Structure formats: structure tokens, C-alpha cells
N, C-alpha and C. Protein backbone atom coordinates (compact mmCIF):
# COMPACT_ATOMS: atom_id res chain seq x y z
N MET A 1 -12.83 -21.74 9.88
CA MET A 1 -12.48 -21.90 11.56
C MET A 1 -13.54 -20.68 11.74
N HIS A 2 -14.21 -21.34 12.86
CA HIS A 2 -15.53 -20.75 13.25
C HIS A 2 -14.98 -20.14 14.77
N VAL A 3 -15.10 -18.64 14.77
CA VAL A 3 -14.34 -17.99 16.11
C VAL A 3 -15.46 -17.53 17.04
N ILE A 4 -15.30 -17.95 18.26
CA ILE A 4 -16.24 -17.99 19.43
C ILE A 4 -15.22 -17.31 20.42
N HIS A 5 -15.60 -15.90 20.80
CA HIS A 5 -14.78 -15.08 21.69
C HIS A 5 -15.43 -14.69 23.06
N ASP A 6 -15.75 -15.53 23.97
CA ASP A 6 -16.48 -15.42 25.23
C ASP A 6 -15.89 -16.38 26.46
N PRO A 7 -14.54 -15.96 27.03
CA PRO A 7 -14.29 -16.66 27.88
C PRO A 7 -15.01 -16.83 29.25
N THR A 8 -16.08 -15.93 29.58
CA THR A 8 -17.20 -16.27 30.53
C THR A 8 -18.16 -17.06 30.33
N SER A 9 -18.20 -17.82 29.06
CA SER A 9 -19.60 -18.86 28.86
C SER A 9 -19.15 -20.06 29.52
N GLU A 10 -20.22 -20.60 29.71
CA GLU A 10 -20.50 -21.83 30.56
C GLU A 10 -19.93 -22.92 29.30
N PRO A 11 -19.40 -23.95 29.94
CA PRO A 11 -19.41 -25.24 29.05
C PRO A 11 -20.51 -25.58 28.22
N GLU A 12 -20.24 -26.33 27.07
CA GLU A 12 -21.07 -26.95 26.68
C GLU A 12 -22.05 -28.10 27.32
N GLU A 13 -22.81 -28.55 26.47
CA GLU A 13 -23.45 -29.73 27.40
C GLU A 13 -22.31 -30.71 27.24
N THR A 14 -22.71 -31.95 28.43
CA THR A 14 -21.63 -32.79 28.72
C THR A 14 -21.62 -33.98 27.52
N ILE A 15 -20.84 -34.24 26.95
CA ILE A 15 -20.72 -35.43 26.13
C ILE A 15 -20.05 -36.76 26.80
N ALA A 16 -20.41 -37.76 26.00
CA ALA A 16 -20.01 -39.30 26.33
C ALA A 16 -18.05 -39.24 25.82
N PHE A 17 -17.20 -39.69 26.41
CA PHE A 17 -16.02 -39.70 26.01
C PHE A 17 -15.95 -40.51 24.59
N SER A 18 -17.11 -41.62 24.04
CA SER A 18 -17.18 -42.00 22.78
C SER A 18 -17.41 -40.86 21.75
N ASP A 19 -18.27 -39.86 22.11
CA ASP A 19 -18.58 -38.92 21.40
C ASP A 19 -17.31 -38.12 21.18
N PHE A 20 -16.49 -37.86 21.80
CA PHE A 20 -15.18 -37.17 21.77
C PHE A 20 -14.37 -37.60 20.78
N LEU A 21 -14.06 -39.04 21.05
CA LEU A 21 -13.44 -39.81 20.24
C LEU A 21 -13.86 -39.81 18.58
N LYS A 22 -14.79 -39.69 18.29
CA LYS A 22 -15.48 -39.37 17.03
C LYS A 22 -14.61 -38.11 16.25
N VAL A 23 -14.29 -37.37 17.20
CA VAL A 23 -13.48 -36.17 16.42
C VAL A 23 -12.25 -36.37 16.31
N ASP A 24 -11.75 -36.67 14.88
CA ASP A 24 -10.07 -36.83 14.97
C ASP A 24 -9.46 -35.74 14.85
N ILE A 25 -8.38 -35.32 15.68
CA ILE A 25 -7.49 -34.17 15.84
C ILE A 25 -6.42 -34.60 15.56
N ARG A 26 -5.56 -34.20 14.56
CA ARG A 26 -4.20 -34.34 14.26
C ARG A 26 -3.17 -33.18 14.17
N ILE A 27 -2.05 -33.54 14.35
CA ILE A 27 -0.99 -32.64 14.30
C ILE A 27 -0.56 -32.66 12.79
N GLY A 28 -0.28 -31.53 12.15
CA GLY A 28 0.71 -31.36 10.67
C GLY A 28 1.14 -30.28 10.65
N THR A 29 2.24 -30.29 9.51
CA THR A 29 3.13 -29.22 9.41
C THR A 29 2.70 -28.43 8.11
N VAL A 30 2.82 -27.14 8.40
CA VAL A 30 2.14 -26.39 6.98
C VAL A 30 3.40 -26.39 6.06
N LEU A 31 2.97 -26.65 5.22
CA LEU A 31 3.47 -26.76 3.88
C LEU A 31 3.80 -25.42 3.04
N SER A 32 2.82 -24.85 2.97
CA SER A 32 2.56 -23.65 2.22
C SER A 32 1.36 -22.66 2.78
N ALA A 33 1.54 -21.42 2.70
CA ALA A 33 0.19 -20.61 3.20
C ALA A 33 0.61 -19.42 2.37
N GLU A 34 -0.64 -18.88 2.06
CA GLU A 34 -0.89 -17.62 1.26
C GLU A 34 -2.29 -16.69 1.83
N GLU A 35 -2.50 -15.80 1.93
CA GLU A 35 -3.70 -14.93 1.57
C GLU A 35 -4.80 -15.51 1.18
N LEU A 36 -6.26 -15.50 1.60
CA LEU A 36 -7.11 -16.30 0.79
C LEU A 36 -7.53 -14.92 0.35
N VAL A 37 -7.21 -14.61 -1.05
CA VAL A 37 -7.88 -13.22 -1.61
C VAL A 37 -9.62 -13.45 -1.60
N GLY A 38 -10.32 -12.70 -1.28
CA GLY A 38 -11.67 -12.48 -1.45
C GLY A 38 -12.63 -13.41 -0.53
N ALA A 39 -11.98 -13.53 0.97
CA ALA A 39 -12.24 -14.12 1.91
C ALA A 39 -13.39 -12.80 2.76
N ARG A 40 -14.16 -13.39 3.24
CA ARG A 40 -15.07 -12.41 4.26
C ARG A 40 -14.36 -12.17 5.23
N LYS A 41 -13.51 -12.88 5.99
CA LYS A 41 -12.87 -12.21 7.21
C LYS A 41 -11.21 -12.92 6.44
N PRO A 42 -10.23 -11.87 6.99
CA PRO A 42 -8.83 -12.34 6.57
C PRO A 42 -8.41 -13.68 7.03
N SER A 43 -8.38 -14.29 6.00
CA SER A 43 -7.79 -15.68 6.21
C SER A 43 -6.61 -16.11 5.37
N ILE A 44 -6.14 -17.44 5.83
CA ILE A 44 -4.90 -17.60 4.87
C ILE A 44 -5.14 -19.17 4.47
N ARG A 45 -4.94 -19.56 3.42
CA ARG A 45 -5.12 -20.72 3.12
C ARG A 45 -3.82 -21.76 3.27
N LEU A 46 -3.74 -22.44 3.87
CA LEU A 46 -2.58 -23.70 4.63
C LEU A 46 -2.53 -24.72 3.55
N VAL A 47 -1.55 -25.17 3.42
CA VAL A 47 -1.61 -26.84 2.82
C VAL A 47 -0.74 -27.44 3.80
N ILE A 48 -1.21 -28.54 4.32
CA ILE A 48 -0.84 -28.92 6.02
C ILE A 48 -0.51 -30.62 5.45
N ASP A 49 0.83 -31.46 5.90
CA ASP A 49 1.09 -32.57 5.88
C ASP A 49 1.03 -33.45 7.09
N PHE A 50 0.07 -33.87 6.88
CA PHE A 50 -0.42 -35.07 8.36
C PHE A 50 0.21 -36.27 8.24
N GLY A 51 1.22 -36.43 7.53
CA GLY A 51 1.75 -37.67 7.45
C GLY A 51 0.96 -38.64 6.28
N PRO A 52 1.68 -39.65 6.37
CA PRO A 52 1.30 -40.90 5.17
C PRO A 52 -0.58 -41.27 5.67
N GLY A 53 -0.82 -41.37 6.68
CA GLY A 53 -1.96 -41.92 6.98
C GLY A 53 -3.56 -40.75 6.34
N VAL A 54 -3.10 -39.58 6.61
CA VAL A 54 -4.01 -38.68 6.36
C VAL A 54 -3.73 -37.87 4.97
N GLY A 55 -2.34 -37.60 4.92
CA GLY A 55 -1.71 -37.05 3.67
C GLY A 55 -1.72 -35.35 3.72
N HIS A 56 -1.90 -34.69 2.79
CA HIS A 56 -1.87 -33.18 2.64
C HIS A 56 -3.18 -32.80 2.46
N LYS A 57 -3.53 -31.60 3.13
CA LYS A 57 -4.78 -31.05 3.08
C LYS A 57 -4.83 -29.79 3.14
N LYS A 58 -5.81 -29.34 2.74
CA LYS A 58 -5.93 -27.74 2.42
C LYS A 58 -6.60 -27.15 3.56
N SER A 59 -6.75 -25.96 4.17
CA SER A 59 -7.35 -25.37 5.56
C SER A 59 -7.65 -24.04 5.26
N CYS A 60 -8.65 -23.20 5.10
CA CYS A 60 -8.84 -21.74 4.91
C CYS A 60 -8.98 -21.41 6.68
N ALA A 61 -7.87 -20.86 6.76
CA ALA A 61 -7.81 -20.46 8.80
C ALA A 61 -7.78 -18.82 8.80
N GLN A 62 -8.99 -18.43 9.89
CA GLN A 62 -8.83 -17.20 9.69
C GLN A 62 -7.61 -16.45 10.64
N VAL A 63 -6.38 -16.67 10.75
CA VAL A 63 -5.57 -16.33 11.35
C VAL A 63 -4.65 -15.02 10.96
N ALA A 64 -5.14 -14.32 9.81
CA ALA A 64 -4.28 -13.36 8.98
C ALA A 64 -4.20 -12.47 10.32
N ALA A 65 -4.60 -12.19 11.21
CA ALA A 65 -4.66 -10.88 12.08
C ALA A 65 -3.35 -10.88 12.66
N LEU A 66 -3.02 -12.26 13.33
CA LEU A 66 -1.92 -12.18 13.94
C LEU A 66 -0.59 -13.05 13.09
N TYR A 67 -0.72 -13.58 12.03
CA TYR A 67 0.22 -14.63 11.42
C TYR A 67 0.43 -13.85 10.05
N ASP A 68 1.85 -13.74 9.86
CA ASP A 68 2.23 -13.51 8.25
C ASP A 68 2.48 -15.22 7.67
N PRO A 69 1.73 -15.39 6.47
CA PRO A 69 1.88 -16.63 5.69
C PRO A 69 3.28 -17.04 5.70
N ALA A 70 4.13 -16.50 5.39
CA ALA A 70 5.41 -16.96 5.42
C ALA A 70 6.08 -17.50 6.66
N GLY A 71 5.42 -16.94 7.65
CA GLY A 71 5.98 -17.41 9.43
C GLY A 71 5.53 -18.40 9.42
N LEU A 72 4.17 -19.01 8.85
CA LEU A 72 3.67 -20.21 9.07
C LEU A 72 4.47 -21.37 8.46
N VAL A 73 4.97 -21.33 7.55
CA VAL A 73 5.78 -22.43 7.12
C VAL A 73 6.41 -22.92 7.64
N GLY A 74 6.58 -24.48 7.97
CA GLY A 74 7.37 -25.33 8.74
C GLY A 74 6.54 -25.36 10.35
N ARG A 75 5.39 -24.44 10.42
CA ARG A 75 4.92 -24.71 11.89
C ARG A 75 3.97 -26.06 12.09
N GLN A 76 3.93 -26.69 13.09
CA GLN A 76 2.89 -27.57 13.60
C GLN A 76 1.81 -27.17 13.85
N VAL A 77 0.67 -27.54 13.38
CA VAL A 77 -0.50 -27.06 13.88
C VAL A 77 -1.57 -28.13 14.24
N ALA A 78 -2.54 -28.13 15.13
CA ALA A 78 -3.31 -29.07 15.48
C ALA A 78 -4.81 -28.60 14.40
N ALA A 79 -5.59 -29.69 13.85
CA ALA A 79 -6.50 -29.69 13.03
C ALA A 79 -7.80 -30.81 13.06
N VAL A 80 -8.88 -30.76 13.01
CA VAL A 80 -9.96 -31.79 12.76
C VAL A 80 -9.94 -32.32 11.31
N VAL A 81 -9.35 -33.64 11.35
CA VAL A 81 -9.53 -33.93 9.82
C VAL A 81 -10.51 -34.83 9.04
N ASN A 82 -11.52 -34.99 10.14
CA ASN A 82 -12.85 -35.83 9.73
C ASN A 82 -14.10 -35.07 9.69
N PHE A 83 -14.10 -33.80 9.35
CA PHE A 83 -15.15 -33.13 9.24
C PHE A 83 -15.49 -33.15 7.59
N PRO A 84 -16.33 -32.91 7.06
CA PRO A 84 -16.68 -32.71 5.67
C PRO A 84 -15.57 -31.84 4.94
N PRO A 85 -15.65 -31.45 3.86
CA PRO A 85 -14.92 -30.20 3.36
C PRO A 85 -15.72 -29.43 3.14
N ARG A 86 -15.50 -27.83 3.25
CA ARG A 86 -16.35 -26.94 3.57
C ARG A 86 -15.85 -25.65 2.40
N GLN A 87 -16.64 -24.95 1.71
CA GLN A 87 -16.15 -24.14 0.56
C GLN A 87 -15.88 -22.42 1.27
N VAL A 88 -15.12 -22.22 1.33
CA VAL A 88 -15.04 -20.89 1.79
C VAL A 88 -14.58 -20.08 1.07
N GLY A 89 -15.54 -19.06 0.67
CA GLY A 89 -15.41 -18.35 -0.74
C GLY A 89 -14.86 -19.04 -2.14
N LYS A 90 -13.85 -18.77 -2.83
CA LYS A 90 -13.48 -19.67 -3.57
C LYS A 90 -12.89 -20.85 -3.51
N ALA A 91 -12.32 -20.99 -2.30
CA ALA A 91 -11.37 -22.21 -1.86
C ALA A 91 -12.54 -23.01 -0.90
N MET A 92 -11.75 -24.56 -0.98
CA MET A 92 -12.20 -25.49 -0.41
C MET A 92 -11.01 -25.66 0.50
N SER A 93 -12.10 -25.89 1.71
CA SER A 93 -11.29 -26.29 3.28
C SER A 93 -11.47 -27.65 3.58
N GLU A 94 -10.16 -28.37 3.86
CA GLU A 94 -10.42 -29.93 3.97
C GLU A 94 -10.67 -30.16 5.14
N VAL A 95 -9.81 -29.57 5.96
CA VAL A 95 -9.42 -29.77 7.52
C VAL A 95 -9.77 -28.48 8.15
N LEU A 96 -10.49 -28.51 9.54
CA LEU A 96 -10.76 -27.61 10.20
C LEU A 96 -9.30 -27.60 11.24
N THR A 97 -8.87 -26.12 11.11
CA THR A 97 -7.37 -25.88 11.79
C THR A 97 -7.93 -25.13 13.07
N LEU A 98 -7.31 -25.45 13.96
CA LEU A 98 -7.79 -25.01 15.35
C LEU A 98 -6.92 -23.90 16.28
N GLY A 99 -7.61 -23.34 16.95
CA GLY A 99 -7.33 -22.37 17.54
C GLY A 99 -8.21 -21.57 18.72
N PHE A 100 -7.43 -21.00 19.51
CA PHE A 100 -8.19 -20.13 20.69
C PHE A 100 -8.09 -18.54 20.40
N ALA A 101 -9.45 -17.81 20.52
CA ALA A 101 -9.58 -16.44 20.38
C ALA A 101 -8.60 -15.67 21.48
N ASP A 102 -7.90 -14.68 21.63
CA ASP A 102 -7.50 -13.91 22.44
C ASP A 102 -8.27 -12.87 22.94
N ALA A 103 -7.77 -12.00 23.78
CA ALA A 103 -8.61 -10.97 24.60
C ALA A 103 -9.27 -10.06 23.32
N GLU A 104 -8.65 -9.92 22.27
CA GLU A 104 -9.28 -9.14 21.23
C GLU A 104 -10.11 -9.81 20.23
N GLY A 105 -10.32 -11.15 20.38
CA GLY A 105 -10.76 -12.20 19.51
C GLY A 105 -10.13 -12.48 18.17
N ARG A 106 -8.82 -12.26 18.09
CA ARG A 106 -7.92 -12.61 17.06
C ARG A 106 -7.83 -14.25 17.32
N VAL A 107 -7.46 -14.82 16.34
CA VAL A 107 -7.01 -16.35 16.41
C VAL A 107 -5.84 -16.81 16.67
N VAL A 108 -5.35 -17.60 17.98
CA VAL A 108 -4.11 -17.62 18.14
C VAL A 108 -4.17 -19.57 17.79
N LEU A 109 -2.98 -19.83 16.85
CA LEU A 109 -3.42 -21.30 16.71
C LEU A 109 -2.74 -22.49 17.77
N ALA A 110 -3.55 -23.37 17.79
CA ALA A 110 -3.04 -24.56 18.59
C ALA A 110 -1.95 -25.12 18.07
N SER A 111 -0.85 -25.64 19.15
CA SER A 111 0.09 -26.43 18.14
C SER A 111 0.58 -26.91 19.65
N PRO A 112 1.52 -28.06 19.38
CA PRO A 112 2.17 -28.76 20.63
C PRO A 112 3.07 -27.94 20.70
N GLU A 113 3.61 -28.15 22.13
CA GLU A 113 4.78 -27.43 22.84
C GLU A 113 6.33 -28.09 22.20
N ARG A 114 5.96 -28.96 21.71
CA ARG A 114 7.36 -29.71 21.11
C ARG A 114 7.04 -30.52 19.84
N PRO A 115 7.77 -30.73 18.98
CA PRO A 115 7.47 -31.48 17.78
C PRO A 115 7.13 -32.76 18.23
N VAL A 116 6.03 -33.23 17.35
CA VAL A 116 5.57 -34.51 17.17
C VAL A 116 5.26 -35.08 15.62
N PRO A 117 5.39 -36.24 15.80
CA PRO A 117 5.39 -36.80 14.16
C PRO A 117 4.10 -36.18 13.52
N ASN A 118 4.19 -35.71 12.47
CA ASN A 118 2.72 -35.50 11.40
C ASN A 118 1.85 -36.70 11.25
N GLY A 119 0.64 -36.18 11.77
CA GLY A 119 -0.33 -37.45 11.84
C GLY A 119 -0.79 -37.66 13.05
N ALA A 120 -0.09 -37.63 14.15
CA ALA A 120 -0.19 -37.77 15.69
C ALA A 120 -1.69 -37.11 16.22
N ARG A 121 -2.08 -38.15 16.67
CA ARG A 121 -3.50 -37.95 17.39
C ARG A 121 -3.39 -37.49 18.15
N LEU A 122 -4.76 -36.40 18.94
CA LEU A 122 -4.62 -35.86 20.35
C LEU A 122 -5.18 -37.03 20.77
N LEU A 123 -4.73 -37.20 21.98
CA LEU A 123 -4.93 -38.25 23.15
C LEU A 123 -5.95 -37.52 24.44
């Protein structure tokens, strides 16, 4: 998870809608969460269930400042599921869990207002 905290920044360059559709953002339910020991920034390793189409995927998220691992289990989160896996310390992150930086730069997870089926894609 790459954190950019600048609410005053200008929007990125304009892209075509077809480019946006290439980013596959899905909802999944956190099955397990544990501190990621040895990470440069305080992080939590998540195992997320994205339903039968995507399956269970691992993610290393820099959310330890606001979230306790036990409190994340059962929570639905949004993630990009079609980026290549990325090595984070000693762990492999298979999806990019999404969030927004608060005023102090801590990551607040992006999640749906109401429960949706695992694997639901952002429209």
C-alpha cells in the first residue's frame, strides 16, 4: 500500500474510461490478520476472501496505526486484484488493499457502506 497524503494536490492526468476499467477493484472479507513482523512501516498481513472468481489472496497493508489485527477479521475491504504480486519484506502481497490517508497520514481502509457479495467489482 503506497500512502500519499496531500489533500491539496491537483488531480492526476485525465485518463480514458477504458483505462479505468483495466483496474479490477473488488470487495473481499478479511479471513485472518496478523502483524507483519519486519516490515519497514507498521503493517498487517491480511488473507482476504474475494469469492469463487478470485479466491483467497494475501495483502500487506500499512494500516497498523489505526487497526488491530483481530478487529479486521470479518470486515469487508476493497482491493485491486489484478496488479502483479509484490514482495513486502519477507511476505508476498498478492492484492493492493485500498485506503485513504487521514489528516495525520494514517490509512483508513476503503470499504462498502453495506455488505456486498465477496468478489463484487467496483462499478
